[in-house]
């Protein structure tokens, strides 16, 4: 599966646009915020895990559409009520040749 933030993939032709796909992940901030203040690496690790989970969800949703690539990927991170943070990844599932 090719994942890219660009709208095209060098050396490949987009054969079919299959639809918009998303991947979402969230984490409770209060469960690690005290530790994160003491250990920046812990916070970065949890953020990276959440981001990776969102990418895995994105890929799974693209595979359901029989895509072999996702183009135009955008990543958004938001905080809800100071207790949670959400990572949302959106792109267009495509079939490339």
Protein backbone atom coordinates (compact mmCIF):
# COMPACT_ATOMS: atom_id res chain seq x y z
CA UNK A 1 0.00 0.00 0.00
CA UNK A 2 1.42 3.35 -1.08
CA UNK A 3 0.59 6.26 1.24
CA UNK A 4 1.42 9.81 0.22
CA UNK A 5 0.53 13.39 0.97
CA UNK A 6 0.86 14.27 -2.71
CA UNK A 7 -2.01 14.03 -5.20
CA UNK A 8 -0.08 11.80 -7.58
CA UNK A 9 2.56 9.08 -7.34
CA UNK A 10 5.62 9.39 -9.55
CA UNK A 11 5.96 6.41 -11.85
CA UNK A 12 2.34 5.34 -11.33
CA UNK A 13 -0.90 6.21 -13.08
CA UNK A 14 -4.11 6.53 -11.07
CA UNK A 15 -6.51 4.13 -12.73
CA UNK A 16 -9.51 4.67 -10.46
CA UNK A 17 -10.57 6.93 -7.61
CA UNK A 18 -12.35 4.76 -5.04
CA UNK A 19 -13.42 7.26 -2.40
CA UNK A 20 -12.38 9.18 0.68
CA UNK A 21 -10.98 7.11 3.54
CA UNK A 22 -10.20 8.02 7.12
CA UNK A 23 -8.33 6.56 10.05
CA UNK A 24 -8.98 7.78 13.57
CA UNK A 25 -7.27 7.15 16.88
CA UNK A 26 -7.74 8.74 20.28
CA UNK A 27 -6.14 8.63 23.70
CA UNK A 28 -7.09 9.79 27.16
CA UNK A 29 -4.65 12.57 28.06
CA UNK A 30 -5.23 12.48 31.82
CA UNK A 31 -4.03 8.89 32.01
CA UNK A 32 -0.50 9.90 31.07
CA UNK A 33 -0.21 13.67 31.39
CA UNK A 34 1.55 13.62 34.78
CA UNK A 35 4.07 11.05 33.60
CA UNK A 36 4.52 12.86 30.30
CA UNK A 37 5.61 16.02 32.10
CA UNK A 38 8.38 13.99 33.72
CA UNK A 39 9.19 11.93 30.68
CA UNK A 40 8.95 13.59 27.28
CA UNK A 41 9.86 10.31 25.57
CA UNK A 42 6.77 8.63 27.03
CA UNK A 43 4.52 11.34 25.61
CA UNK A 44 6.19 11.15 22.19
CA UNK A 45 5.87 7.37 22.23
CA UNK A 46 2.17 7.51 23.02
CA UNK A 47 1.58 10.12 20.31
CA UNK A 48 3.46 8.03 17.77
CA UNK A 49 1.49 4.92 18.72
CA UNK A 50 -1.78 6.79 18.34
CA UNK A 51 -0.67 8.14 14.95
CA UNK A 52 0.36 4.65 13.82
CA UNK A 53 -3.02 3.25 14.93
CA UNK A 54 -4.76 5.92 12.85
CA UNK A 55 -2.63 5.02 9.81
CA UNK A 56 -3.43 1.33 10.26
CA UNK A 57 -7.15 2.19 10.36
CA UNK A 58 -6.75 4.30 7.21
CA UNK A 59 -5.03 1.43 5.39
CA UNK A 60 -7.67 -1.09 6.50
CA UNK A 61 -10.44 1.17 5.21
CA UNK A 62 -8.60 1.63 1.89
CA UNK A 63 -8.15 -2.14 1.52
CA UNK A 64 -11.90 -2.60 1.98
CA UNK A 65 -12.33 -0.46 -1.14
CA UNK A 66 -9.74 -2.62 -2.98
CA UNK A 67 -7.29 0.31 -3.15
CA UNK A 68 -3.55 -0.15 -3.45
CA UNK A 69 -2.71 3.46 -2.56
CA UNK A 70 -3.98 6.51 -0.70
CA UNK A 71 -3.14 9.97 -2.02
CA UNK A 72 -3.63 13.48 -0.66
CA UNK A 73 -3.21 12.41 2.96
CA UNK A 74 -3.90 15.05 5.61
CA UNK A 75 -3.28 14.57 9.34
CA UNK A 76 -5.25 16.46 11.97
CA UNK A 77 -4.84 16.39 15.74
CA UNK A 78 -7.44 17.85 18.08
CA UNK A 79 -8.02 18.00 21.80
CA UNK A 80 -11.47 17.47 23.30
CA UNK A 81 -12.27 19.02 26.70
CA UNK A 82 -8.62 18.80 27.66
CA UNK A 83 -9.10 15.12 28.46
CA UNK A 84 -8.67 13.40 25.10
CA UNK A 85 -6.69 13.95 21.95
CA UNK A 86 -7.78 12.65 18.57
CA UNK A 87 -5.70 11.97 15.51
CA UNK A 88 -7.59 11.85 12.23
CA UNK A 89 -5.98 10.92 8.92
CA UNK A 90 -7.89 11.46 5.67
CA UNK A 91 -7.02 10.72 2.06
CA UNK A 92 -8.35 9.46 -1.24
CA UNK A 93 -8.22 5.71 -1.86
CA UNK A 94 -7.07 4.94 -5.40
CA UNK A 95 -6.09 2.08 -7.64
CA UNK A 96 -2.72 2.74 -9.29
CA UNK A 97 -0.92 0.89 -12.05
